[in-house]
Amino acid sequence: VKSSIIYSLNNWDNVTPQKVNSWRRLVHGIREQTNFAAKY
């Protein structure tokens, strides 16, 4: 996710609000996975 964000930040032509929102959903999804693993 970090590599994808850095790559996109270097190429602002491809960045849209939807893409940034998808980054947020990815970070949230990874957090949910870590919370699930911790609970399990």
PDB file of all heavy atoms in Angstrom:
ATOM      1  N   VAL A   1       0.845  -1.197   0.000  1.00  0.00           N
ATOM      2  CA  VAL A   1       0.000   0.000   0.000  1.00  0.00           C
ATOM      3  C   VAL A   1       0.875   1.239   0.000  1.00  0.00           C
ATOM      4  O   VAL A   1       0.632   2.191  -0.754  1.00  0.00           O
ATOM      5  CB  VAL A   1      -0.958  -0.015   1.213  1.00  0.00           C
ATOM      6  CG1 VAL A   1      -1.707   1.290   1.332  1.00  0.00           C
ATOM      7  CG2 VAL A   1      -1.926  -1.181   1.106  1.00  0.00           C
ATOM      8  N   LYS A   2       1.917   1.223   0.837  1.00  0.00           N
ATOM      9  CA  LYS A   2       2.821   2.380   0.898  1.00  0.00           C
ATOM     10  C   LYS A   2       3.511   2.599  -0.443  1.00  0.00           C
ATOM     11  O   LYS A   2       3.589   3.730  -0.929  1.00  0.00           O
ATOM     12  CB  LYS A   2       3.872   2.178   1.997  1.00  0.00           C
ATOM     13  CG  LYS A   2       4.824   3.364   2.136  1.00  0.00           C
ATOM     14  CD  LYS A   2       5.887   3.084   3.162  1.00  0.00           C
ATOM     15  CE  LYS A   2       6.877   2.155   2.544  1.00  0.00           C
ATOM     16  NZ  LYS A   2       8.095   1.952   3.252  1.00  0.00           N
ATOM     17  N   SER A   3       3.970   1.531  -1.078  1.00  0.00           N
ATOM     18  CA  SER A   3       4.623   1.658  -2.387  1.00  0.00           C
ATOM     19  C   SER A   3       3.664   2.210  -3.431  1.00  0.00           C
ATOM     20  O   SER A   3       4.037   3.057  -4.245  1.00  0.00           O
ATOM     21  CB  SER A   3       5.161   0.311  -2.854  1.00  0.00           C
ATOM     22  OG  SER A   3       6.122  -0.163  -1.961  1.00  0.00           O
ATOM     23  N   SER A   4       2.431   1.738  -3.402  1.00  0.00           N
ATOM     24  CA  SER A   4       1.426   2.229  -4.341  1.00  0.00           C
ATOM     25  C   SER A   4       1.149   3.707  -4.120  1.00  0.00           C
ATOM     26  O   SER A   4       1.040   4.478  -5.074  1.00  0.00           O
ATOM     27  CB  SER A   4       0.137   1.427  -4.195  1.00  0.00           C
ATOM     28  OG  SER A   4      -0.896   2.009  -4.939  1.00  0.00           O
ATOM     29  N   ILE A   5       1.052   4.111  -2.867  1.00  0.00           N
ATOM     30  CA  ILE A   5       0.789   5.519  -2.560  1.00  0.00           C
ATOM     31  C   ILE A   5       1.957   6.382  -2.996  1.00  0.00           C
ATOM     32  O   ILE A   5       1.768   7.434  -3.614  1.00  0.00           O
ATOM     33  CB  ILE A   5       0.483   5.691  -1.060  1.00  0.00           C
ATOM     34  CG1 ILE A   5      -0.873   5.056  -0.741  1.00  0.00           C
ATOM     35  CG2 ILE A   5       0.503   7.148  -0.649  1.00  0.00           C
ATOM     36  CD1 ILE A   5      -1.194   4.989   0.742  1.00  0.00           C
ATOM     37  N   ILE A   6       3.177   5.961  -2.699  1.00  0.00           N
ATOM     38  CA  ILE A   6       4.355   6.748  -3.085  1.00  0.00           C
ATOM     39  C   ILE A   6       4.440   6.867  -4.598  1.00  0.00           C
ATOM     40  O   ILE A   6       4.710   7.951  -5.132  1.00  0.00           O
ATOM     41  CB  ILE A   6       5.639   6.125  -2.502  1.00  0.00           C
ATOM     42  CG1 ILE A   6       5.651   6.280  -0.980  1.00  0.00           C
ATOM     43  CG2 ILE A   6       6.882   6.753  -3.104  1.00  0.00           C
ATOM     44  CD1 ILE A   6       6.750   5.516  -0.277  1.00  0.00           C
ATOM     45  N   TYR A   7       4.197   5.778  -5.305  1.00  0.00           N
ATOM     46  CA  TYR A   7       4.223   5.820  -6.766  1.00  0.00           C
ATOM     47  C   TYR A   7       3.176   6.799  -7.288  1.00  0.00           C
ATOM     48  O   TYR A   7       3.450   7.603  -8.170  1.00  0.00           O
ATOM     49  CB  TYR A   7       3.985   4.427  -7.341  1.00  0.00           C
ATOM     50  CG  TYR A   7       3.937   4.411  -8.842  1.00  0.00           C
ATOM     51  CD1 TYR A   7       5.104   4.513  -9.598  1.00  0.00           C
ATOM     52  CD2 TYR A   7       2.722   4.339  -9.510  1.00  0.00           C
ATOM     53  CE1 TYR A   7       5.054   4.525 -10.977  1.00  0.00           C
ATOM     54  CE2 TYR A   7       2.655   4.349 -10.890  1.00  0.00           C
ATOM     55  CZ  TYR A   7       3.825   4.447 -11.621  1.00  0.00           C
ATOM     56  OH  TYR A   7       3.776   4.468 -12.989  1.00  0.00           O
ATOM     57  N   SER A   8       1.974   6.746  -6.728  1.00  0.00           N
ATOM     58  CA  SER A   8       0.914   7.637  -7.178  1.00  0.00           C
ATOM     59  C   SER A   8       1.197   9.085  -6.821  1.00  0.00           C
ATOM     60  O   SER A   8       0.850   9.995  -7.579  1.00  0.00           O
ATOM     61  CB  SER A   8      -0.429   7.212  -6.589  1.00  0.00           C
ATOM     62  OG  SER A   8      -0.787   5.945  -7.064  1.00  0.00           O
ATOM     63  N   LEU A   9       1.816   9.300  -5.662  1.00  0.00           N
ATOM     64  CA  LEU A   9       2.125  10.677  -5.264  1.00  0.00           C
ATOM     65  C   LEU A   9       3.168  11.291  -6.185  1.00  0.00           C
ATOM     66  O   LEU A   9       3.191  12.513  -6.383  1.00  0.00           O
ATOM     67  CB  LEU A   9       2.605  10.722  -3.814  1.00  0.00           C
ATOM     68  CG  LEU A   9       1.555  10.423  -2.753  1.00  0.00           C
ATOM     69  CD1 LEU A   9       2.195  10.410  -1.373  1.00  0.00           C
ATOM     70  CD2 LEU A   9       0.416  11.410  -2.804  1.00  0.00           C
ATOM     71  N   ASN A  10       4.022  10.469  -6.759  1.00  0.00           N
ATOM     72  CA  ASN A  10       5.016  10.977  -7.706  1.00  0.00           C
ATOM     73  C   ASN A  10       4.412  11.240  -9.081  1.00  0.00           C
ATOM     74  O   ASN A  10       5.008  11.941  -9.889  1.00  0.00           O
ATOM     75  CB  ASN A  10       6.179   9.993  -7.828  1.00  0.00           C
ATOM     76  CG  ASN A  10       6.996   9.939  -6.556  1.00  0.00           C
ATOM     77  OD1 ASN A  10       7.075  10.912  -5.813  1.00  0.00           O
ATOM     78  ND2 ASN A  10       7.575   8.788  -6.278  1.00  0.00           N
ATOM     79  N   ASN A  11       3.255  10.666  -9.360  1.00  0.00           N
ATOM     80  CA  ASN A  11       2.564  10.862 -10.637  1.00  0.00           C
ATOM     81  C   ASN A  11       1.172  11.422 -10.364  1.00  0.00           C
ATOM     82  O   ASN A  11       0.185  10.700 -10.393  1.00  0.00           O
ATOM     83  CB  ASN A  11       2.443   9.530 -11.396  1.00  0.00           C
ATOM     84  CG  ASN A  11       3.793   8.926 -11.678  1.00  0.00           C
ATOM     85  OD1 ASN A  11       4.714   9.625 -12.050  1.00  0.00           O
ATOM     86  ND2 ASN A  11       3.903   7.632 -11.472  1.00  0.00           N
ATOM     87  N   TRP A  12       1.086  12.721 -10.119  1.00  0.00           N
ATOM     88  CA  TRP A  12      -0.181  13.323  -9.728  1.00  0.00           C
ATOM     89  C   TRP A  12      -1.237  13.256 -10.825  1.00  0.00           C
ATOM     90  O   TRP A  12      -2.419  13.457 -10.566  1.00  0.00           O
ATOM     91  CB  TRP A  12       0.026  14.780  -9.317  1.00  0.00           C
ATOM     92  CG  TRP A  12       0.390  14.881  -7.881  1.00  0.00           C
ATOM     93  CD1 TRP A  12       1.607  15.179  -7.377  1.00  0.00           C
ATOM     94  CD2 TRP A  12      -0.460  14.652  -6.764  1.00  0.00           C
ATOM     95  NE1 TRP A  12       1.578  15.139  -6.017  1.00  0.00           N
ATOM     96  CE2 TRP A  12       0.308  14.825  -5.611  1.00  0.00           C
ATOM     97  CE3 TRP A  12      -1.799  14.299  -6.622  1.00  0.00           C
ATOM     98  CZ2 TRP A  12      -0.206  14.677  -4.344  1.00  0.00           C
ATOM     99  CZ3 TRP A  12      -2.316  14.159  -5.350  1.00  0.00           C
ATOM    100  CH2 TRP A  12      -1.517  14.346  -4.227  1.00  0.00           C
ATOM    101  N   ASP A  13      -0.860  12.978 -12.044  1.00  0.00           N
ATOM    102  CA  ASP A  13      -1.838  12.919 -13.127  1.00  0.00           C
ATOM    103  C   ASP A  13      -2.841  11.789 -12.895  1.00  0.00           C
ATOM    104  O   ASP A  13      -3.991  11.867 -13.326  1.00  0.00           O
ATOM    105  CB  ASP A  13      -1.138  12.701 -14.478  1.00  0.00           C
ATOM    106  CG  ASP A  13      -0.171  13.835 -14.799  1.00  0.00           C
ATOM    107  OD1 ASP A  13      -0.356  14.933 -14.239  1.00  0.00           O
ATOM    108  OD2 ASP A  13       0.765  13.605 -15.582  1.00  0.00           O
ATOM    109  N   ASN A  14      -2.431  10.719 -12.226  1.00  0.00           N
ATOM    110  CA  ASN A  14      -3.284   9.551 -12.021  1.00  0.00           C
ATOM    111  C   ASN A  14      -4.085   9.598 -10.725  1.00  0.00           C
ATOM    112  O   ASN A  14      -4.910   8.733 -10.478  1.00  0.00           O
ATOM    113  CB  ASN A  14      -2.446   8.274 -12.012  1.00  0.00           C
ATOM    114  CG  ASN A  14      -1.711   8.069 -13.313  1.00  0.00           C
ATOM    115  OD1 ASN A  14      -2.149   8.513 -14.354  1.00  0.00           O
ATOM    116  ND2 ASN A  14      -0.578   7.405 -13.235  1.00  0.00           N
ATOM    117  N   VAL A  15      -3.842  10.583  -9.857  1.00  0.00           N
ATOM    118  CA  VAL A  15      -4.483  10.632  -8.550  1.00  0.00           C
ATOM    119  C   VAL A  15      -5.847  11.308  -8.673  1.00  0.00           C
ATOM    120  O   VAL A  15      -5.975  12.397  -9.202  1.00  0.00           O
ATOM    121  CB  VAL A  15      -3.608  11.373  -7.527  1.00  0.00           C
ATOM    122  CG1 VAL A  15      -4.320  11.503  -6.197  1.00  0.00           C
ATOM    123  CG2 VAL A  15      -2.292  10.653  -7.347  1.00  0.00           C
ATOM    124  N   THR A  16      -6.843  10.588  -8.145  1.00  0.00           N
ATOM    125  CA  THR A  16      -8.202  11.122  -8.098  1.00  0.00           C
ATOM    126  C   THR A  16      -8.705  10.981  -6.666  1.00  0.00           C
ATOM    127  O   THR A  16      -8.135  10.208  -5.880  1.00  0.00           O
ATOM    128  CB  THR A  16      -9.134  10.333  -9.036  1.00  0.00           C
ATOM    129  OG1 THR A  16      -9.189   8.976  -8.593  1.00  0.00           O
ATOM    130  CG2 THR A  16      -8.650  10.391 -10.486  1.00  0.00           C
ATOM    131  N   PRO A  17      -9.770  11.689  -6.310  1.00  0.00           N
ATOM    132  CA  PRO A  17     -10.323  11.510  -4.961  1.00  0.00           C
ATOM    133  C   PRO A  17     -10.743  10.057  -4.700  1.00  0.00           C
ATOM    134  O   PRO A  17     -10.594   9.561  -3.578  1.00  0.00           O
ATOM    135  CB  PRO A  17     -11.528  12.442  -4.936  1.00  0.00           C
ATOM    136  CG  PRO A  17     -11.245  13.474  -5.961  1.00  0.00           C
ATOM    137  CD  PRO A  17     -10.428  12.789  -7.023  1.00  0.00           C
ATOM    138  N   GLN A  18     -11.223   9.376  -5.735  1.00  0.00           N
ATOM    139  CA  GLN A  18     -11.625   7.986  -5.569  1.00  0.00           C
ATOM    140  C   GLN A  18     -10.417   7.093  -5.272  1.00  0.00           C
ATOM    141  O   GLN A  18     -10.513   6.137  -4.500  1.00  0.00           O
ATOM    142  CB  GLN A  18     -12.348   7.477  -6.827  1.00  0.00           C
ATOM    143  CG  GLN A  18     -13.679   8.146  -7.083  1.00  0.00           C
ATOM    144  CD  GLN A  18     -13.544   9.517  -7.739  1.00  0.00           C
ATOM    145  OE1 GLN A  18     -12.504   9.882  -8.267  1.00  0.00           O
ATOM    146  NE2 GLN A  18     -14.630  10.282  -7.674  1.00  0.00           N
ATOM    147  N   LYS A  19      -9.292   7.415  -5.892  1.00  0.00           N
ATOM    148  CA  LYS A  19      -8.082   6.622  -5.652  1.00  0.00           C
ATOM    149  C   LYS A  19      -7.592   6.810  -4.219  1.00  0.00           C
ATOM    150  O   LYS A  19      -7.220   5.845  -3.547  1.00  0.00           O
ATOM    151  CB  LYS A  19      -6.993   6.999  -6.646  1.00  0.00           C
ATOM    152  CG  LYS A  19      -5.812   6.063  -6.614  1.00  0.00           C
ATOM    153  CD  LYS A  19      -4.876   6.334  -7.752  1.00  0.00           C
ATOM    154  CE  LYS A  19      -4.115   5.086  -8.061  1.00  0.00           C
ATOM    155  NZ  LYS A  19      -3.378   5.173  -9.292  1.00  0.00           N
ATOM    156  N   VAL A  20      -7.607   8.048  -3.736  1.00  0.00           N
ATOM    157  CA  VAL A  20      -7.192   8.311  -2.355  1.00  0.00           C
ATOM    158  C   VAL A  20      -8.168   7.639  -1.391  1.00  0.00           C
ATOM    159  O   VAL A  20      -7.756   7.075  -0.372  1.00  0.00           O
ATOM    160  CB  VAL A  20      -7.085   9.828  -2.096  1.00  0.00           C
ATOM    161  CG1 VAL A  20      -6.705  10.108  -0.648  1.00  0.00           C
ATOM    162  CG2 VAL A  20      -6.057  10.464  -3.030  1.00  0.00           C
ATOM    163  N   ASN A  21      -9.442   7.663  -1.725  1.00  0.00           N
ATOM    164  CA  ASN A  21     -10.433   6.980  -0.898  1.00  0.00           C
ATOM    165  C   ASN A  21     -10.169   5.476  -0.876  1.00  0.00           C
ATOM    166  O   ASN A  21     -10.319   4.817   0.155  1.00  0.00           O
ATOM    167  CB  ASN A  21     -11.834   7.275  -1.432  1.00  0.00           C
ATOM    168  CG  ASN A  21     -12.910   6.793  -0.493  1.00  0.00           C
ATOM    169  OD1 ASN A  21     -12.662   6.039   0.434  1.00  0.00           O
ATOM    170  ND2 ASN A  21     -14.132   7.227  -0.741  1.00  0.00           N
ATOM    171  N   SER A  22      -9.739   4.924  -2.010  1.00  0.00           N
ATOM    172  CA  SER A  22      -9.416   3.487  -2.038  1.00  0.00           C
ATOM    173  C   SER A  22      -8.195   3.189  -1.169  1.00  0.00           C
ATOM    174  O   SER A  22      -8.121   2.124  -0.557  1.00  0.00           O
ATOM    175  CB  SER A  22      -9.197   3.005  -3.474  1.00  0.00           C
ATOM    176  OG  SER A  22      -7.995   3.505  -4.006  1.00  0.00           O
ATOM    177  N   TRP A  23      -7.235   4.117  -1.090  1.00  0.00           N
ATOM    178  CA  TRP A  23      -6.093   3.931  -0.195  1.00  0.00           C
ATOM    179  C   TRP A  23      -6.587   3.846   1.251  1.00  0.00           C
ATOM    180  O   TRP A  23      -6.131   3.017   2.031  1.00  0.00           O
ATOM    181  CB  TRP A  23      -5.105   5.069  -0.297  1.00  0.00           C
ATOM    182  CG  TRP A  23      -4.426   5.236  -1.606  1.00  0.00           C
ATOM    183  CD1 TRP A  23      -4.315   4.320  -2.605  1.00  0.00           C
ATOM    184  CD2 TRP A  23      -3.781   6.418  -2.056  1.00  0.00           C
ATOM    185  NE1 TRP A  23      -3.628   4.860  -3.659  1.00  0.00           N
ATOM    186  CE2 TRP A  23      -3.275   6.146  -3.355  1.00  0.00           C
ATOM    187  CE3 TRP A  23      -3.564   7.672  -1.522  1.00  0.00           C
ATOM    188  CZ2 TRP A  23      -2.581   7.069  -4.104  1.00  0.00           C
ATOM    189  CZ3 TRP A  23      -2.864   8.606  -2.260  1.00  0.00           C
ATOM    190  CH2 TRP A  23      -2.371   8.302  -3.537  1.00  0.00           C
ATOM    191  N   ARG A  24      -7.499   4.746   1.593  1.00  0.00           N
ATOM    192  CA  ARG A  24      -8.035   4.764   2.955  1.00  0.00           C
ATOM    193  C   ARG A  24      -8.762   3.450   3.256  1.00  0.00           C
ATOM    194  O   ARG A  24      -8.630   2.889   4.341  1.00  0.00           O
ATOM    195  CB  ARG A  24      -8.966   5.954   3.131  1.00  0.00           C
ATOM    196  CG  ARG A  24      -9.416   6.145   4.553  1.00  0.00           C
ATOM    197  CD  ARG A  24     -10.002   7.523   4.821  1.00  0.00           C
ATOM    198  NE  ARG A  24     -10.720   8.087   3.733  1.00  0.00           N
ATOM    199  CZ  ARG A  24     -12.055   8.219   3.680  1.00  0.00           C
ATOM    200  NH1 ARG A  24     -12.789   7.790   4.674  1.00  0.00           N
ATOM    201  NH2 ARG A  24     -12.633   8.773   2.640  1.00  0.00           N
ATOM    202  N   ARG A  25      -9.524   2.953   2.295  1.00  0.00           N
ATOM    203  CA  ARG A  25     -10.212   1.680   2.495  1.00  0.00           C
ATOM    204  C   ARG A  25      -9.211   0.529   2.636  1.00  0.00           C
ATOM    205  O   ARG A  25      -9.424  -0.398   3.428  1.00  0.00           O
ATOM    206  CB  ARG A  25     -11.182   1.420   1.342  1.00  0.00           C
ATOM    207  CG  ARG A  25     -12.437   2.275   1.415  1.00  0.00           C
ATOM    208  CD  ARG A  25     -13.523   1.795   0.468  1.00  0.00           C
ATOM    209  NE  ARG A  25     -13.052   1.495  -0.870  1.00  0.00           N
ATOM    210  CZ  ARG A  25     -13.128   2.326  -1.908  1.00  0.00           C
ATOM    211  NH1 ARG A  25     -13.666   3.514  -1.755  1.00  0.00           N
ATOM    212  NH2 ARG A  25     -12.690   1.956  -3.092  1.00  0.00           N
ATOM    213  N   LEU A  26      -8.097   0.590   1.880  1.00  0.00           N
ATOM    214  CA  LEU A  26      -7.064  -0.447   2.014  1.00  0.00           C
ATOM    215  C   LEU A  26      -6.434  -0.424   3.401  1.00  0.00           C
ATOM    216  O   LEU A  26      -6.252  -1.474   4.030  1.00  0.00           O
ATOM    217  CB  LEU A  26      -5.974  -0.254   0.960  1.00  0.00           C
ATOM    218  CG  LEU A  26      -6.238  -0.788  -0.425  1.00  0.00           C
ATOM    219  CD1 LEU A  26      -5.154  -0.330  -1.385  1.00  0.00           C
ATOM    220  CD2 LEU A  26      -6.316  -2.291  -0.407  1.00  0.00           C
ATOM    221  N   VAL A  27      -6.080   0.767   3.873  1.00  0.00           N
ATOM    222  CA  VAL A  27      -5.486   0.888   5.207  1.00  0.00           C
ATOM    223  C   VAL A  27      -6.482   0.399   6.253  1.00  0.00           C
ATOM    224  O   VAL A  27      -6.125  -0.340   7.175  1.00  0.00           O
ATOM    225  CB  VAL A  27      -5.046   2.344   5.477  1.00  0.00           C
ATOM    226  CG1 VAL A  27      -4.675   2.544   6.935  1.00  0.00           C
ATOM    227  CG2 VAL A  27      -3.876   2.726   4.578  1.00  0.00           C
ATOM    228  N   HIS A  28      -7.734   0.777   6.097  1.00  0.00           N
ATOM    229  CA  HIS A  28      -8.767   0.320   7.033  1.00  0.00           C
ATOM    230  C   HIS A  28      -8.918  -1.206   6.970  1.00  0.00           C
ATOM    231  O   HIS A  28      -9.068  -1.861   8.003  1.00  0.00           O
ATOM    232  CB  HIS A  28     -10.103   1.008   6.729  1.00  0.00           C
ATOM    233  CG  HIS A  28     -11.192   0.607   7.654  1.00  0.00           C
ATOM    234  ND1 HIS A  28     -11.221   0.990   8.981  1.00  0.00           N
ATOM    235  CD2 HIS A  28     -12.284  -0.167   7.468  1.00  0.00           C
ATOM    236  CE1 HIS A  28     -12.285   0.465   9.563  1.00  0.00           C
ATOM    237  NE2 HIS A  28     -12.954  -0.232   8.660  1.00  0.00           N
ATOM    238  N   GLY A  29      -8.880  -1.773   5.770  1.00  0.00           N
ATOM    239  CA  GLY A  29      -8.989  -3.229   5.624  1.00  0.00           C
ATOM    240  C   GLY A  29      -7.838  -3.964   6.277  1.00  0.00           C
ATOM    241  O   GLY A  29      -8.039  -5.003   6.921  1.00  0.00           O
ATOM    242  N   ILE A  30      -6.634  -3.435   6.142  1.00  0.00           N
ATOM    243  CA  ILE A  30      -5.469  -4.064   6.779  1.00  0.00           C
ATOM    244  C   ILE A  30      -5.605  -3.984   8.306  1.00  0.00           C
ATOM    245  O   ILE A  30      -5.301  -4.944   9.015  1.00  0.00           O
ATOM    246  CB  ILE A  30      -4.166  -3.412   6.292  1.00  0.00           C
ATOM    247  CG1 ILE A  30      -3.956  -3.740   4.813  1.00  0.00           C
ATOM    248  CG2 ILE A  30      -2.977  -3.868   7.129  1.00  0.00           C
ATOM    249  CD1 ILE A  30      -2.842  -2.972   4.163  1.00  0.00           C
ATOM    250  N   ARG A  31      -6.090  -2.849   8.790  1.00  0.00           N
ATOM    251  CA  ARG A  31      -6.320  -2.725  10.227  1.00  0.00           C
ATOM    252  C   ARG A  31      -7.354  -3.733  10.720  1.00  0.00           C
ATOM    253  O   ARG A  31      -7.200  -4.321  11.784  1.00  0.00           O
ATOM    254  CB  ARG A  31      -6.801  -1.318  10.558  1.00  0.00           C
ATOM    255  CG  ARG A  31      -5.728  -0.295  10.492  1.00  0.00           C
ATOM    256  CD  ARG A  31      -6.306   1.051  10.731  1.00  0.00           C
ATOM    257  NE  ARG A  31      -5.259   1.998  10.976  1.00  0.00           N
ATOM    258  CZ  ARG A  31      -5.413   3.096  11.695  1.00  0.00           C
ATOM    259  NH1 ARG A  31      -6.578   3.374  12.209  1.00  0.00           N
ATOM    260  NH2 ARG A  31      -4.408   3.901  11.880  1.00  0.00           N
ATOM    261  N   GLU A  32      -8.400  -3.912   9.961  1.00  0.00           N
ATOM    262  CA  GLU A  32      -9.423  -4.891  10.333  1.00  0.00           C
ATOM    263  C   GLU A  32      -8.844  -6.308  10.381  1.00  0.00           C
ATOM    264  O   GLU A  32      -9.186  -7.098  11.261  1.00  0.00           O
ATOM    265  CB  GLU A  32     -10.604  -4.833   9.358  1.00  0.00           C
ATOM    266  CG  GLU A  32     -11.449  -3.594   9.509  1.00  0.00           C
ATOM    267  CD  GLU A  32     -12.142  -3.510  10.858  1.00  0.00           C
ATOM    268  OE1 GLU A  32     -12.679  -4.532  11.312  1.00  0.00           O
ATOM    269  OE2 GLU A  32     -12.122  -2.419  11.453  1.00  0.00           O
ATOM    270  N   GLN A  33      -7.963  -6.622   9.438  1.00  0.00           N
ATOM    271  CA  GLN A  33      -7.334  -7.945   9.430  1.00  0.00           C
ATOM    272  C   GLN A  33      -6.446  -8.144  10.653  1.00  0.00           C
ATOM    273  O   GLN A  33      -6.448  -9.223  11.260  1.00  0.00           O
ATOM    274  CB  GLN A  33      -6.523  -8.146   8.158  1.00  0.00           C
ATOM    275  CG  GLN A  33      -7.360  -8.319   6.931  1.00  0.00           C
ATOM    276  CD  GLN A  33      -6.518  -8.415   5.674  1.00  0.00           C
ATOM    277  OE1 GLN A  33      -5.297  -8.301   5.716  1.00  0.00           O
ATOM    278  NE2 GLN A  33      -7.175  -8.631   4.549  1.00  0.00           N
ATOM    279  N   THR A  34      -5.679  -7.124  11.020  1.00  0.00           N
ATOM    280  CA  THR A  34      -4.831  -7.253  12.204  1.00  0.00           C
ATOM    281  C   THR A  34      -5.682  -7.367  13.462  1.00  0.00           C
ATOM    282  O   THR A  34      -5.347  -8.134  14.365  1.00  0.00           O
ATOM    283  CB  THR A  34      -3.837  -6.082  12.337  1.00  0.00           C
ATOM    284  OG1 THR A  34      -4.546  -4.845  12.386  1.00  0.00           O
ATOM    285  CG2 THR A  34      -2.852  -6.059  11.201  1.00  0.00           C
ATOM    286  N   ASN A  35      -6.781  -6.619  13.526  1.00  0.00           N
ATOM    287  CA  ASN A  35      -7.668  -6.722  14.689  1.00  0.00           C
ATOM    288  C   ASN A  35      -8.320  -8.099  14.766  1.00  0.00           C
ATOM    289  O   ASN A  35      -8.459  -8.673  15.847  1.00  0.00           O
ATOM    290  CB  ASN A  35      -8.742  -5.640  14.651  1.00  0.00           C
ATOM    291  CG  ASN A  35      -8.171  -4.269  14.937  1.00  0.00           C
ATOM    292  OD1 ASN A  35      -7.133  -4.140  15.563  1.00  0.00           O
ATOM    293  ND2 ASN A  35      -8.840  -3.249  14.454  1.00  0.00           N
ATOM    294  N   PHE A  36      -8.712  -8.638  13.621  1.00  0.00           N
ATOM    295  CA  PHE A  36      -9.312  -9.971  13.599  1.00  0.00           C
ATOM    296  C   PHE A  36      -8.293 -11.027  14.040  1.00  0.00           C
ATOM    297  O   PHE A  36      -8.604 -11.905  14.836  1.00  0.00           O
ATOM    298  CB  PHE A  36      -9.840 -10.301  12.201  1.00  0.00           C
ATOM    299  CG  PHE A  36     -10.380 -11.690  12.086  1.00  0.00           C
ATOM    300  CD1 PHE A  36     -11.593 -12.036  12.669  1.00  0.00           C
ATOM    301  CD2 PHE A  36      -9.668 -12.667  11.408  1.00  0.00           C
ATOM    302  CE1 PHE A  36     -12.087 -13.319  12.576  1.00  0.00           C
ATOM    303  CE2 PHE A  36     -10.151 -13.963  11.314  1.00  0.00           C
ATOM    304  CZ  PHE A  36     -11.369 -14.297  11.903  1.00  0.00           C
ATOM    305  N   ALA A  37      -7.070 -10.920  13.526  1.00  0.00           N
ATOM    306  CA  ALA A  37      -6.030 -11.885  13.913  1.00  0.00           C
ATOM    307  C   ALA A  37      -5.723 -11.773  15.406  1.00  0.00           C
ATOM    308  O   ALA A  37      -5.539 -12.786  16.081  1.00  0.00           O
ATOM    309  CB  ALA A  37      -4.768 -11.658  13.088  1.00  0.00           C
ATOM    310  N   ALA A  38      -5.681 -10.549  15.914  1.00  0.00           N
ATOM    311  CA  ALA A  38      -5.420 -10.362  17.340  1.00  0.00           C
ATOM    312  C   ALA A  38      -6.557 -10.941  18.177  1.00  0.00           C
ATOM    313  O   ALA A  38      -6.314 -11.594  19.196  1.00  0.00           O
ATOM    314  CB  ALA A  38      -5.238  -8.880  17.651  1.00  0.00           C
ATOM    315  N   LYS A  39      -7.797 -10.734  17.748  1.00  0.00           N
ATOM    316  CA  LYS A  39      -8.937 -11.281  18.490  1.00  0.00           C
ATOM    317  C   LYS A  39      -8.933 -12.810  18.441  1.00  0.00           C
ATOM    318  O   LYS A  39      -9.207 -13.475  19.431  1.00  0.00           O
ATOM    319  CB  LYS A  39     -10.240 -10.750  17.902  1.00  0.00           C
ATOM    320  CG  LYS A  39     -11.465 -11.144  18.709  1.00  0.00           C
ATOM    321  CD  LYS A  39     -12.737 -10.672  18.047  1.00  0.00           C
ATOM    322  CE  LYS A  39     -12.882  -9.187  18.192  1.00  0.00           C
ATOM    323  NZ  LYS A  39     -14.178  -8.704  17.692  1.00  0.00           N
ATOM    324  N   TYR A  40      -8.575 -13.360  17.294  1.00  0.00           N
ATOM    325  CA  TYR A  40      -8.561 -14.809  17.120  1.00  0.00           C
ATOM    326  C   TYR A  40      -7.474 -15.463  17.975  1.00  0.00           C
ATOM    327  O   TYR A  40      -7.661 -16.531  18.519  1.00  0.00           O
ATOM    328  CB  TYR A  40      -8.351 -15.148  15.645  1.00  0.00           C
ATOM    329  CG  TYR A  40      -8.294 -16.612  15.344  1.00  0.00           C
ATOM    330  CD1 TYR A  40      -9.430 -17.410  15.403  1.00  0.00           C
ATOM    331  CD2 TYR A  40      -7.078 -17.215  15.012  1.00  0.00           C
ATOM    332  CE1 TYR A  40      -9.379 -18.767  15.139  1.00  0.00           C
ATOM    333  CE2 TYR A  40      -7.014 -18.572  14.738  1.00  0.00           C
ATOM    334  CZ  TYR A  40      -8.163 -19.336  14.801  1.00  0.00           C
ATOM    335  OH  TYR A  40      -8.099 -20.672  14.542  1.00  0.00           O
TER     336      TYR A  40
END
